[in-house]
Amino acid sequence: HGTGWQGDWATSFSWLRKAGPFAALPGPPLLAMEYAELMPDAVLAGIPARAFPDVVWAGLALGWIHKPVSLLHKAPYGNGEILATTFRLNATTLHENVVAQTLLAGCIALLRS
């Protein structure tokens, strides 16, 4: 019946590093209601905790930072880099939601850096 990362219990939290390409996004690092439409249905698991500071820009954790997973990360891949996110950046949110538009612009800027 689901996974531990569903975020449907009071002690889970999602965060976004609001620096560099994401500095223009609203709110504190912990994501609140302005991100509700964008919250993903999936997570990016398997990233070693020691790699988080270097590659993860947004994540979700349970309890006292248990089972941390990524919601947005940029990592080396072959001779280049890859950016992966599970935020809902689809045609609807990108057309109607300024936070989605700003998040996508931040992702593009991050890839260019």
PDB file of N, CA and C in Angstrom:
ATOM      1  N   HIS A   1       0.832  -1.177   0.000  1.00  0.00           N
ATOM      2  CA  HIS A   1       0.000   0.000   0.000  1.00  0.00           C
ATOM      3  C   HIS A   1       0.880   1.245   0.000  1.00  0.00           C
ATOM      4  N   GLY A   2       1.501   1.554  -1.083  1.00  0.00           N
ATOM      5  CA  GLY A   2       2.313   2.757  -1.176  1.00  0.00           C
ATOM      6  C   GLY A   2       3.717   2.526  -0.649  1.00  0.00           C
ATOM      7  N   THR A   3       4.409   3.629  -0.468  1.00  0.00           N
ATOM      8  CA  THR A   3       5.777   3.586   0.033  1.00  0.00           C
ATOM      9  C   THR A   3       5.911   4.540   1.205  1.00  0.00           C
ATOM     10  N   GLY A   4       7.030   4.455   1.903  1.00  0.00           N
ATOM     11  CA  GLY A   4       7.302   5.354   3.011  1.00  0.00           C
ATOM     12  C   GLY A   4       7.538   6.780   2.581  1.00  0.00           C
ATOM     13  N   TRP A   5       7.690   7.010   1.265  1.00  0.00           N
ATOM     14  CA  TRP A   5       7.989   8.362   0.770  1.00  0.00           C
ATOM     15  C   TRP A   5       6.760   9.122   0.287  1.00  0.00           C
ATOM     16  N   GLN A   6       5.597   8.599   0.467  1.00  0.00           N
ATOM     17  CA  GLN A   6       4.395   9.253  -0.039  1.00  0.00           C
ATOM     18  C   GLN A   6       4.158  10.623   0.568  1.00  0.00           C
ATOM     19  N   GLY A   7       4.713  10.890   1.726  1.00  0.00           N
ATOM     20  CA  GLY A   7       4.534  12.203   2.340  1.00  0.00           C
ATOM     21  C   GLY A   7       3.170  12.379   2.958  1.00  0.00           C
ATOM     22  N   ASP A   8       2.483  11.282   3.256  1.00  0.00           N
ATOM     23  CA  ASP A   8       1.140  11.395   3.813  1.00  0.00           C
ATOM     24  C   ASP A   8       1.120  11.209   5.327  1.00  0.00           C
ATOM     25  N   TRP A   9       2.227  11.503   5.957  1.00  0.00           N
ATOM     26  CA  TRP A   9       2.248  11.497   7.412  1.00  0.00           C
ATOM     27  C   TRP A   9       2.947  12.752   7.892  1.00  0.00           C
ATOM     28  N   ALA A  10       2.636  13.186   9.086  1.00  0.00           N
ATOM     29  CA  ALA A  10       2.992  14.523   9.571  1.00  0.00           C
ATOM     30  C   ALA A  10       4.478  14.779   9.662  1.00  0.00           C
ATOM     31  N   THR A  11       5.287  13.760   9.735  1.00  0.00           N
ATOM     32  CA  THR A  11       6.706  14.014   9.924  1.00  0.00           C
ATOM     33  C   THR A  11       7.528  13.872   8.651  1.00  0.00           C
ATOM     34  N   SER A  12       6.935  14.047   7.519  1.00  0.00           N
ATOM     35  CA  SER A  12       7.721  14.116   6.287  1.00  0.00           C
ATOM     36  C   SER A  12       7.819  15.581   5.881  1.00  0.00           C
ATOM     37  N   PHE A  13       8.904  15.920   5.233  1.00  0.00           N
ATOM     38  CA  PHE A  13       9.027  17.285   4.738  1.00  0.00           C
ATOM     39  C   PHE A  13       9.800  17.296   3.435  1.00  0.00           C
ATOM     40  N   SER A  14       9.448  18.254   2.598  1.00  0.00           N
ATOM     41  CA  SER A  14      10.122  18.461   1.318  1.00  0.00           C
ATOM     42  C   SER A  14      10.837  19.792   1.381  1.00  0.00           C
ATOM     43  N   TRP A  15      11.952  19.868   0.698  1.00  0.00           N
ATOM     44  CA  TRP A  15      12.748  21.086   0.735  1.00  0.00           C
ATOM     45  C   TRP A  15      13.346  21.358  -0.646  1.00  0.00           C
ATOM     46  N   LEU A  16      13.727  22.606  -0.851  1.00  0.00           N
ATOM     47  CA  LEU A  16      14.375  23.037  -2.087  1.00  0.00           C
ATOM     48  C   LEU A  16      15.462  24.027  -1.723  1.00  0.00           C
ATOM     49  N   ARG A  17      16.655  23.803  -2.233  1.00  0.00           N
ATOM     50  CA  ARG A  17      17.768  24.720  -1.978  1.00  0.00           C
ATOM     51  C   ARG A  17      17.488  26.017  -2.738  1.00  0.00           C
ATOM     52  N   LYS A  18      17.161  27.080  -2.019  1.00  0.00           N
ATOM     53  CA  LYS A  18      16.762  28.362  -2.630  1.00  0.00           C
ATOM     54  C   LYS A  18      17.991  29.256  -2.811  1.00  0.00           C
ATOM     55  N   ALA A  19      18.932  28.770  -3.579  1.00  0.00           N
ATOM     56  CA  ALA A  19      20.166  29.499  -3.855  1.00  0.00           C
ATOM     57  C   ALA A  19      20.436  29.414  -5.348  1.00  0.00           C
ATOM     58  N   GLY A  20      21.372  30.232  -5.807  1.00  0.00           N
ATOM     59  CA  GLY A  20      21.761  30.177  -7.209  1.00  0.00           C
ATOM     60  C   GLY A  20      20.570  30.265  -8.137  1.00  0.00           C
ATOM     61  N   PRO A  21      20.383  29.265  -9.015  1.00  0.00           N
ATOM     62  CA  PRO A  21      19.310  29.335 -10.007  1.00  0.00           C
ATOM     63  C   PRO A  21      17.900  29.265  -9.417  1.00  0.00           C
ATOM     64  N   PHE A  22      17.798  28.899  -8.147  1.00  0.00           N
ATOM     65  CA  PHE A  22      16.477  28.781  -7.520  1.00  0.00           C
ATOM     66  C   PHE A  22      16.220  29.869  -6.480  1.00  0.00           C
ATOM     67  N   ALA A  23      17.058  30.882  -6.447  1.00  0.00           N
ATOM     68  CA  ALA A  23      16.919  31.963  -5.460  1.00  0.00           C
ATOM     69  C   ALA A  23      15.639  32.772  -5.652  1.00  0.00           C
ATOM     70  N   ALA A  24      15.088  32.813  -6.853  1.00  0.00           N
ATOM     71  CA  ALA A  24      13.883  33.612  -7.124  1.00  0.00           C
ATOM     72  C   ALA A  24      12.592  32.913  -6.687  1.00  0.00           C
ATOM     73  N   LEU A  25      12.682  31.664  -6.279  1.00  0.00           N
ATOM     74  CA  LEU A  25      11.477  30.941  -5.859  1.00  0.00           C
ATOM     75  C   LEU A  25      10.997  31.436  -4.499  1.00  0.00           C
ATOM     76  N   PRO A  26       9.684  31.437  -4.287  1.00  0.00           N
ATOM     77  CA  PRO A  26       9.129  31.977  -3.043  1.00  0.00           C
ATOM     78  C   PRO A  26       9.310  31.039  -1.851  1.00  0.00           C
ATOM     79  N   GLY A  27       9.265  31.648  -0.667  1.00  0.00           N
ATOM     80  CA  GLY A  27       9.219  30.891   0.575  1.00  0.00           C
ATOM     81  C   GLY A  27      10.561  30.425   1.082  1.00  0.00           C
ATOM     82  N   PRO A  28      10.519  29.805   2.258  1.00  0.00           N
ATOM     83  CA  PRO A  28      11.735  29.260   2.862  1.00  0.00           C
ATOM     84  C   PRO A  28      12.121  27.944   2.189  1.00  0.00           C
ATOM     85  N   PRO A  29      13.229  27.342   2.596  1.00  0.00           N
ATOM     86  CA  PRO A  29      13.634  26.072   1.987  1.00  0.00           C
ATOM     87  C   PRO A  29      12.613  24.939   2.141  1.00  0.00           C
ATOM     88  N   LEU A  30      11.877  24.903   3.250  1.00  0.00           N
ATOM     89  CA  LEU A  30      10.851  23.870   3.397  1.00  0.00           C
ATOM     90  C   LEU A  30       9.653  24.250   2.543  1.00  0.00           C
ATOM     91  N   LEU A  31       9.199  23.340   1.701  1.00  0.00           N
ATOM     92  CA  LEU A  31       8.149  23.650   0.737  1.00  0.00           C
ATOM     93  C   LEU A  31       6.781  23.690   1.404  1.00  0.00           C
ATOM     94  N   ALA A  32       6.018  24.728   1.057  1.00  0.00           N
ATOM     95  CA  ALA A  32       4.694  24.942   1.647  1.00  0.00           C
ATOM     96  C   ALA A  32       3.636  24.917   0.544  1.00  0.00           C
ATOM     97  N   MET A  33       2.498  25.504   0.832  1.00  0.00           N
ATOM     98  CA  MET A  33       1.332  25.421  -0.057  1.00  0.00           C
ATOM     99  C   MET A  33       1.570  25.953  -1.468  1.00  0.00           C
ATOM    100  N   GLU A  34       2.465  26.912  -1.639  1.00  0.00           N
ATOM    101  CA  GLU A  34       2.690  27.436  -2.987  1.00  0.00           C
ATOM    102  C   GLU A  34       3.273  26.375  -3.921  1.00  0.00           C
ATOM    103  N   TYR A  35       3.727  25.247  -3.377  1.00  0.00           N
ATOM    104  CA  TYR A  35       4.287  24.156  -4.182  1.00  0.00           C
ATOM    105  C   TYR A  35       3.331  22.969  -4.307  1.00  0.00           C
ATOM    106  N   ALA A  36       2.137  23.062  -3.730  1.00  0.00           N
ATOM    107  CA  ALA A  36       1.208  21.921  -3.684  1.00  0.00           C
ATOM    108  C   ALA A  36       0.917  21.343  -5.070  1.00  0.00           C
ATOM    109  N   GLU A  37       0.662  22.188  -6.058  1.00  0.00           N
ATOM    110  CA  GLU A  37       0.363  21.712  -7.421  1.00  0.00           C
ATOM    111  C   GLU A  37       1.543  21.013  -8.076  1.00  0.00           C
ATOM    112  N   LEU A  38       2.742  21.298  -7.598  1.00  0.00           N
ATOM    113  CA  LEU A  38       3.953  20.787  -8.237  1.00  0.00           C
ATOM    114  C   LEU A  38       4.518  19.548  -7.563  1.00  0.00           C
ATOM    115  N   MET A  39       3.979  19.207  -6.389  1.00  0.00           N
ATOM    116  CA  MET A  39       4.556  18.098  -5.638  1.00  0.00           C
ATOM    117  C   MET A  39       4.443  16.802  -6.428  1.00  0.00           C
ATOM    118  N   PRO A  40       5.544  16.076  -6.495  1.00  0.00           N
ATOM    119  CA  PRO A  40       5.587  14.888  -7.347  1.00  0.00           C
ATOM    120  C   PRO A  40       4.864  13.681  -6.763  1.00  0.00           C
ATOM    121  N   ASP A  41       4.559  12.752  -7.648  1.00  0.00           N
ATOM    122  CA  ASP A  41       3.988  11.465  -7.263  1.00  0.00           C
ATOM    123  C   ASP A  41       5.078  10.406  -7.114  1.00  0.00           C
ATOM    124  N   ALA A  42       6.306  10.767  -7.440  1.00  0.00           N
ATOM    125  CA  ALA A  42       7.427   9.829  -7.381  1.00  0.00           C
ATOM    126  C   ALA A  42       8.653  10.552  -6.837  1.00  0.00           C
ATOM    127  N   VAL A  43       9.621   9.770  -6.417  1.00  0.00           N
ATOM    128  CA  VAL A  43      10.874  10.325  -5.905  1.00  0.00           C
ATOM    129  C   VAL A  43      12.037   9.660  -6.626  1.00  0.00           C
ATOM    130  N   LEU A  44      13.210  10.232  -6.474  1.00  0.00           N
ATOM    131  CA  LEU A  44      14.429   9.684  -7.055  1.00  0.00           C
ATOM    132  C   LEU A  44      15.243   9.089  -5.909  1.00  0.00           C
ATOM    133  N   ALA A  45      15.174   7.775  -5.754  1.00  0.00           N
ATOM    134  CA  ALA A  45      15.837   7.089  -4.647  1.00  0.00           C
ATOM    135  C   ALA A  45      17.191   6.548  -5.096  1.00  0.00           C
ATOM    136  N   GLY A  46      18.002   6.171  -4.118  1.00  0.00           N
ATOM    137  CA  GLY A  46      19.272   5.519  -4.410  1.00  0.00           C
ATOM    138  C   GLY A  46      20.471   6.435  -4.460  1.00  0.00           C
ATOM    139  N   ILE A  47      20.278   7.720  -4.227  1.00  0.00           N
ATOM    140  CA  ILE A  47      21.415   8.644  -4.211  1.00  0.00           C
ATOM    141  C   ILE A  47      22.063   8.548  -2.834  1.00  0.00           C
ATOM    142  N   PRO A  48      23.359   8.249  -2.761  1.00  0.00           N
ATOM    143  CA  PRO A  48      24.010   8.136  -1.459  1.00  0.00           C
ATOM    144  C   PRO A  48      23.920   9.451  -0.675  1.00  0.00           C
ATOM    145  N   ALA A  49      23.673   9.355   0.619  1.00  0.00           N
ATOM    146  CA  ALA A  49      23.535  10.548   1.462  1.00  0.00           C
ATOM    147  C   ALA A  49      24.759  11.447   1.360  1.00  0.00           C
ATOM    148  N   ARG A  50      25.942  10.865   1.214  1.00  0.00           N
ATOM    149  CA  ARG A  50      27.166  11.679   1.135  1.00  0.00           C
ATOM    150  C   ARG A  50      27.212  12.522  -0.145  1.00  0.00           C
ATOM    151  N   ALA A  51      26.436  12.137  -1.172  1.00  0.00           N
ATOM    152  CA  ALA A  51      26.413  12.878  -2.434  1.00  0.00           C
ATOM    153  C   ALA A  51      25.392  14.005  -2.427  1.00  0.00           C
ATOM    154  N   PHE A  52      24.466  14.001  -1.474  1.00  0.00           N
ATOM    155  CA  PHE A  52      23.392  14.990  -1.456  1.00  0.00           C
ATOM    156  C   PHE A  52      23.890  16.430  -1.555  1.00  0.00           C
ATOM    157  N   PRO A  53      24.872  16.853  -0.761  1.00  0.00           N
ATOM    158  CA  PRO A  53      25.277  18.271  -0.831  1.00  0.00           C
ATOM    159  C   PRO A  53      25.768  18.701  -2.214  1.00  0.00           C
ATOM    160  N   ASP A  54      26.312  17.765  -2.980  1.00  0.00           N
ATOM    161  CA  ASP A  54      26.877  18.104  -4.284  1.00  0.00           C
ATOM    162  C   ASP A  54      25.880  18.023  -5.432  1.00  0.00           C
ATOM    163  N   VAL A  55      24.886  17.145  -5.338  1.00  0.00           N
ATOM    164  CA  VAL A  55      24.031  16.910  -6.500  1.00  0.00           C
ATOM    165  C   VAL A  55      22.546  17.174  -6.288  1.00  0.00           C
ATOM    166  N   VAL A  56      22.064  17.120  -5.063  1.00  0.00           N
ATOM    167  CA  VAL A  56      20.625  17.237  -4.817  1.00  0.00           C
ATOM    168  C   VAL A  56      20.245  18.685  -4.521  1.00  0.00           C
ATOM    169  N   TRP A  57      19.279  19.209  -5.270  1.00  0.00           N
ATOM    170  CA  TRP A  57      18.785  20.578  -5.090  1.00  0.00           C
ATOM    171  C   TRP A  57      17.428  20.606  -4.403  1.00  0.00           C
ATOM    172  N   ALA A  58      16.698  19.510  -4.437  1.00  0.00           N
ATOM    173  CA  ALA A  58      15.411  19.413  -3.741  1.00  0.00           C
ATOM    174  C   ALA A  58      15.237  17.974  -3.297  1.00  0.00           C
ATOM    175  N   GLY A  59      14.604  17.806  -2.148  1.00  0.00           N
ATOM    176  CA  GLY A  59      14.443  16.458  -1.636  1.00  0.00           C
ATOM    177  C   GLY A  59      13.279  16.324  -0.682  1.00  0.00           C
ATOM    178  N   LEU A  60      13.138  15.126  -0.176  1.00  0.00           N
ATOM    179  CA  LEU A  60      12.087  14.793   0.774  1.00  0.00           C
ATOM    180  C   LEU A  60      12.703  13.850   1.792  1.00  0.00           C
ATOM    181  N   ALA A  61      12.343  14.034   3.046  1.00  0.00           N
ATOM    182  CA  ALA A  61      12.828  13.150   4.107  1.00  0.00           C
ATOM    183  C   ALA A  61      11.681  12.819   5.043  1.00  0.00           C
ATOM    184  N   LEU A  62      11.824  11.715   5.721  1.00  0.00           N
ATOM    185  CA  LEU A  62      10.830  11.265   6.682  1.00  0.00           C
ATOM    186  C   LEU A  62      11.369  11.462   8.090  1.00  0.00           C
ATOM    187  N   GLY A  63      10.498  11.758   9.018  1.00  0.00           N
ATOM    188  CA  GLY A  63      10.884  11.848  10.419  1.00  0.00           C
ATOM    189  C   GLY A  63      12.085  12.743  10.634  1.00  0.00           C
ATOM    190  N   TRP A  64      13.046  12.234  11.362  1.00  0.00           N
ATOM    191  CA  TRP A  64      14.266  12.999  11.650  1.00  0.00           C
ATOM    192  C   TRP A  64      15.297  12.716  10.566  1.00  0.00           C
ATOM    193  N   ILE A  65      14.953  13.130   9.350  1.00  0.00           N
ATOM    194  CA  ILE A  65      15.799  12.977   8.160  1.00  0.00           C
ATOM    195  C   ILE A  65      16.118  11.506   7.911  1.00  0.00           C
ATOM    196  N   HIS A  66      15.059  10.719   7.860  1.00  0.00           N
ATOM    197  CA  HIS A  66      15.136   9.288   7.601  1.00  0.00           C
ATOM    198  C   HIS A  66      14.736   9.040   6.144  1.00  0.00           C
ATOM    199  N   LYS A  67      15.424   8.168   5.482  1.00  0.00           N
ATOM    200  CA  LYS A  67      15.143   7.816   4.085  1.00  0.00           C
ATOM    201  C   LYS A  67      15.121   9.033   3.156  1.00  0.00           C
ATOM    202  N   PRO A  68      16.172   9.859   3.158  1.00  0.00           N
ATOM    203  CA  PRO A  68      16.167  11.017   2.255  1.00  0.00           C
ATOM    204  C   PRO A  68      16.195  10.573   0.795  1.00  0.00           C
ATOM    205  N   VAL A  69      15.416  11.269  -0.013  1.00  0.00           N
ATOM    206  CA  VAL A  69      15.359  11.013  -1.450  1.00  0.00           C
ATOM    207  C   VAL A  69      15.399  12.352  -2.181  1.00  0.00           C
ATOM    208  N   SER A  70      15.698  12.307  -3.441  1.00  0.00           N
ATOM    209  CA  SER A  70      15.778  13.517  -4.251  1.00  0.00           C
ATOM    210  C   SER A  70      14.468  13.768  -4.993  1.00  0.00           C
ATOM    211  N   LEU A  71      14.154  15.045  -5.147  1.00  0.00           N
ATOM    212  CA  LEU A  71      13.065  15.474  -6.024  1.00  0.00           C
ATOM    213  C   LEU A  71      13.635  16.207  -7.238  1.00  0.00           C
ATOM    214  N   LEU A  72      14.897  16.650  -7.120  1.00  0.00           N
ATOM    215  CA  LEU A  72      15.558  17.355  -8.219  1.00  0.00           C
ATOM    216  C   LEU A  72      17.062  17.252  -7.987  1.00  0.00           C
ATOM    217  N   HIS A  73      17.762  16.700  -8.946  1.00  0.00           N
ATOM    218  CA  HIS A  73      19.217  16.670  -8.810  1.00  0.00           C
ATOM    219  C   HIS A  73      19.905  16.776 -10.162  1.00  0.00           C
ATOM    220  N   LYS A  74      21.139  17.221 -10.088  1.00  0.00           N
ATOM    221  CA  LYS A  74      22.005  17.332 -11.266  1.00  0.00           C
ATOM    222  C   LYS A  74      23.272  16.553 -10.938  1.00  0.00           C
ATOM    223  N   ALA A  75      23.637  15.632 -11.800  1.00  0.00           N
ATOM    224  CA  ALA A  75      24.779  14.773 -11.518  1.00  0.00           C
ATOM    225  C   ALA A  75      25.573  14.514 -12.791  1.00  0.00           C
ATOM    226  N   PRO A  76      26.845  14.153 -12.630  1.00  0.00           N
ATOM    227  CA  PRO A  76      27.645  13.777 -13.788  1.00  0.00           C
ATOM    228  C   PRO A  76      27.043  12.557 -14.477  1.00  0.00           C
ATOM    229  N   TYR A  77      27.130  12.551 -15.803  1.00  0.00           N
ATOM    230  CA  TYR A  77      26.635  11.427 -16.585  1.00  0.00           C
ATOM    231  C   TYR A  77      27.479  11.343 -17.846  1.00  0.00           C
ATOM    232  N   GLY A  78      28.273  10.299 -17.958  1.00  0.00           N
ATOM    233  CA  GLY A  78      29.162  10.181 -19.109  1.00  0.00           C
ATOM    234  C   GLY A  78      30.103  11.368 -19.176  1.00  0.00           C
ATOM    235  N   ASN A  79      30.156  12.018 -20.336  1.00  0.00           N
ATOM    236  CA  ASN A  79      30.997  13.204 -20.502  1.00  0.00           C
ATOM    237  C   ASN A  79      30.272  14.493 -20.154  1.00  0.00           C
ATOM    238  N   GLY A  80      29.039  14.402 -19.719  1.00  0.00           N
ATOM    239  CA  GLY A  80      28.256  15.598 -19.410  1.00  0.00           C
ATOM    240  C   GLY A  80      27.577  15.499 -18.063  1.00  0.00           C
ATOM    241  N   GLU A  81      26.390  16.044 -18.001  1.00  0.00           N
ATOM    242  CA  GLU A  81      25.608  16.033 -16.772  1.00  0.00           C
ATOM    243  C   GLU A  81      24.148  15.776 -17.122  1.00  0.00           C
ATOM    244  N   ILE A  82      23.412  15.308 -16.143  1.00  0.00           N
ATOM    245  CA  ILE A  82      21.983  15.076 -16.313  1.00  0.00           C
ATOM    246  C   ILE A  82      21.242  15.754 -15.166  1.00  0.00           C
ATOM    247  N   LEU A  83      20.104  16.334 -15.487  1.00  0.00           N
ATOM    248  CA  LEU A  83      19.230  16.902 -14.469  1.00  0.00           C
ATOM    249  C   LEU A  83      17.958  16.070 -14.469  1.00  0.00           C
ATOM    250  N   ALA A  84      17.570  15.616 -13.299  1.00  0.00           N
ATOM    251  CA  ALA A  84      16.346  14.820 -13.172  1.00  0.00           C
ATOM    252  C   ALA A  84      15.469  15.433 -12.094  1.00  0.00           C
ATOM    253  N   THR A  85      14.189  15.510 -12.365  1.00  0.00           N
ATOM    254  CA  THR A  85      13.238  15.991 -11.374  1.00  0.00           C
ATOM    255  C   THR A  85      11.932  15.224 -11.509  1.00  0.00           C
ATOM    256  N   THR A  86      11.236  15.131 -10.399  1.00  0.00           N
ATOM    257  CA  THR A  86       9.909  14.522 -10.419  1.00  0.00           C
ATOM    258  C   THR A  86       8.830  15.551 -10.095  1.00  0.00           C
ATOM    259  N   PHE A  87       9.210  16.835  -9.954  1.00  0.00           N
ATOM    260  CA  PHE A  87       8.198  17.876  -9.764  1.00  0.00           C
ATOM    261  C   PHE A  87       7.255  17.861 -10.965  1.00  0.00           C
ATOM    262  N   ARG A  88       6.019  18.214 -10.764  1.00  0.00           N
ATOM    263  CA  ARG A  88       5.022  18.231 -11.845  1.00  0.00           C
ATOM    264  C   ARG A  88       5.199  19.482 -12.700  1.00  0.00           C
ATOM    265  N   LEU A  89       6.112  19.411 -13.623  1.00  0.00           N
ATOM    266  CA  LEU A  89       6.336  20.504 -14.572  1.00  0.00           C
ATOM    267  C   LEU A  89       5.734  20.061 -15.903  1.00  0.00           C
ATOM    268  N   ASN A  90       4.425  20.102 -15.973  1.00  0.00           N
ATOM    269  CA  ASN A  90       3.713  19.657 -17.170  1.00  0.00           C
ATOM    270  C   ASN A  90       3.070  20.855 -17.870  1.00  0.00           C
ATOM    271  N   ALA A  91       2.401  20.609 -18.969  1.00  0.00           N
ATOM    272  CA  ALA A  91       1.809  21.701 -19.756  1.00  0.00           C
ATOM    273  C   ALA A  91       0.861  22.554 -18.924  1.00  0.00           C
ATOM    274  N   THR A  92       0.072  21.935 -18.077  1.00  0.00           N
ATOM    275  CA  THR A  92      -0.894  22.688 -17.271  1.00  0.00           C
ATOM    276  C   THR A  92      -0.205  23.559 -16.234  1.00  0.00           C
ATOM    277  N   THR A  93       0.691  22.956 -15.444  1.00  0.00           N
ATOM    278  CA  THR A  93       1.343  23.759 -14.401  1.00  0.00           C
ATOM    279  C   THR A  93       2.233  24.836 -15.012  1.00  0.00           C
ATOM    280  N   LEU A  94       2.898  24.522 -16.108  1.00  0.00           N
ATOM    281  CA  LEU A  94       3.776  25.521 -16.723  1.00  0.00           C
ATOM    282  C   LEU A  94       2.990  26.659 -17.358  1.00  0.00           C
ATOM    283  N   HIS A  95       1.761  26.410 -17.758  1.00  0.00           N
ATOM    284  CA  HIS A  95       0.929  27.464 -18.341  1.00  0.00           C
ATOM    285  C   HIS A  95       0.303  28.344 -17.264  1.00  0.00           C
ATOM    286  N   GLU A  96      -0.094  27.747 -16.143  1.00  0.00           N
ATOM    287  CA  GLU A  96      -0.905  28.454 -15.156  1.00  0.00           C
ATOM    288  C   GLU A  96      -0.184  28.851 -13.875  1.00  0.00           C
ATOM    289  N   ASN A  97       0.972  28.287 -13.584  1.00  0.00           N
ATOM    290  CA  ASN A  97       1.577  28.437 -12.265  1.00  0.00           C
ATOM    291  C   ASN A  97       2.943  29.111 -12.372  1.00  0.00           C
ATOM    292  N   VAL A  98       3.054  30.300 -11.807  1.00  0.00           N
ATOM    293  CA  VAL A  98       4.305  31.053 -11.892  1.00  0.00           C
ATOM    294  C   VAL A  98       5.434  30.362 -11.124  1.00  0.00           C
ATOM    295  N   VAL A  99       5.111  29.617 -10.082  1.00  0.00           N
ATOM    296  CA  VAL A  99       6.149  28.880  -9.356  1.00  0.00           C
ATOM    297  C   VAL A  99       6.716  27.780 -10.257  1.00  0.00           C
ATOM    298  N   ALA A 100       5.857  27.087 -10.999  1.00  0.00           N
ATOM    299  CA  ALA A 100       6.320  26.067 -11.945  1.00  0.00           C
ATOM    300  C   ALA A 100       7.206  26.691 -13.016  1.00  0.00           C
ATOM    301  N   GLN A 101       6.803  27.839 -13.526  1.00  0.00           N
ATOM    302  CA  GLN A 101       7.590  28.533 -14.547  1.00  0.00           C
ATOM    303  C   GLN A 101       8.963  28.931 -14.003  1.00  0.00           C
ATOM    304  N   THR A 102       8.993  29.427 -12.774  1.00  0.00           N
ATOM    305  CA  THR A 102      10.251  29.852 -12.159  1.00  0.00           C
ATOM    306  C   THR A 102      11.128  28.646 -11.849  1.00  0.00           C
ATOM    307  N   LEU A 103      10.524  27.547 -11.429  1.00  0.00           N
ATOM    308  CA  LEU A 103      11.278  26.327 -11.155  1.00  0.00           C
ATOM    309  C   LEU A 103      11.903  25.785 -12.437  1.00  0.00           C
ATOM    310  N   LEU A 104      11.154  25.767 -13.537  1.00  0.00           N
ATOM    311  CA  LEU A 104      11.707  25.311 -14.814  1.00  0.00           C
ATOM    312  C   LEU A 104      12.844  26.224 -15.269  1.00  0.00           C
ATOM    313  N   ALA A 105      12.665  27.528 -15.136  1.00  0.00           N
ATOM    314  CA  ALA A 105      13.737  28.466 -15.499  1.00  0.00           C
ATOM    315  C   ALA A 105      14.985  28.195 -14.664  1.00  0.00           C
ATOM    316  N   GLY A 106      14.798  27.881 -13.385  1.00  0.00           N
ATOM    317  CA  GLY A 106      15.931  27.535 -12.525  1.00  0.00           C
ATOM    318  C   GLY A 106      16.617  26.261 -12.977  1.00  0.00           C
ATOM    319  N   CYS A 107      15.847  25.272 -13.390  1.00  0.00           N
ATOM    320  CA  CYS A 107      16.424  24.019 -13.890  1.00  0.00           C
ATOM    321  C   CYS A 107      17.265  24.263 -15.140  1.00  0.00           C
ATOM    322  N   ILE A 108      16.749  25.079 -16.044  1.00  0.00           N
ATOM    323  CA  ILE A 108      17.491  25.398 -17.267  1.00  0.00           C
ATOM    324  C   ILE A 108      18.772  26.150 -16.926  1.00  0.00           C
ATOM    325  N   ALA A 109      18.684  27.110 -16.012  1.00  0.00           N
ATOM    326  CA  ALA A 109      19.876  27.858 -15.586  1.00  0.00           C
ATOM    327  C   ALA A 109      20.891  26.928 -14.922  1.00  0.00           C
ATOM    328  N   LEU A 110      20.419  25.977 -14.137  1.00  0.00           N
ATOM    329  CA  LEU A 110      21.319  25.026 -13.478  1.00  0.00           C
ATOM    330  C   LEU A 110      22.055  24.180 -14.512  1.00  0.00           C
ATOM    331  N   LEU A 111      21.371  23.761 -15.559  1.00  0.00           N
ATOM    332  CA  LEU A 111      22.021  22.982 -16.612  1.00  0.00           C
ATOM    333  C   LEU A 111      23.069  23.797 -17.358  1.00  0.00           C
ATOM    334  N   ARG A 112      22.857  25.084 -17.448  1.00  0.00           N
ATOM    335  CA  ARG A 112      23.802  25.954 -18.156  1.00  0.00           C
ATOM    336  C   ARG A 112      25.011  26.325 -17.307  1.00  0.00           C
ATOM    337  N   SER A 113      24.927  26.093 -16.000  1.00  0.00           N
ATOM    338  CA  SER A 113      26.037  26.509 -15.114  1.00  0.00           C
ATOM    339  C   SER A 113      27.136  25.471 -15.055  1.00  0.00           C
TER     340      SER A 113
END
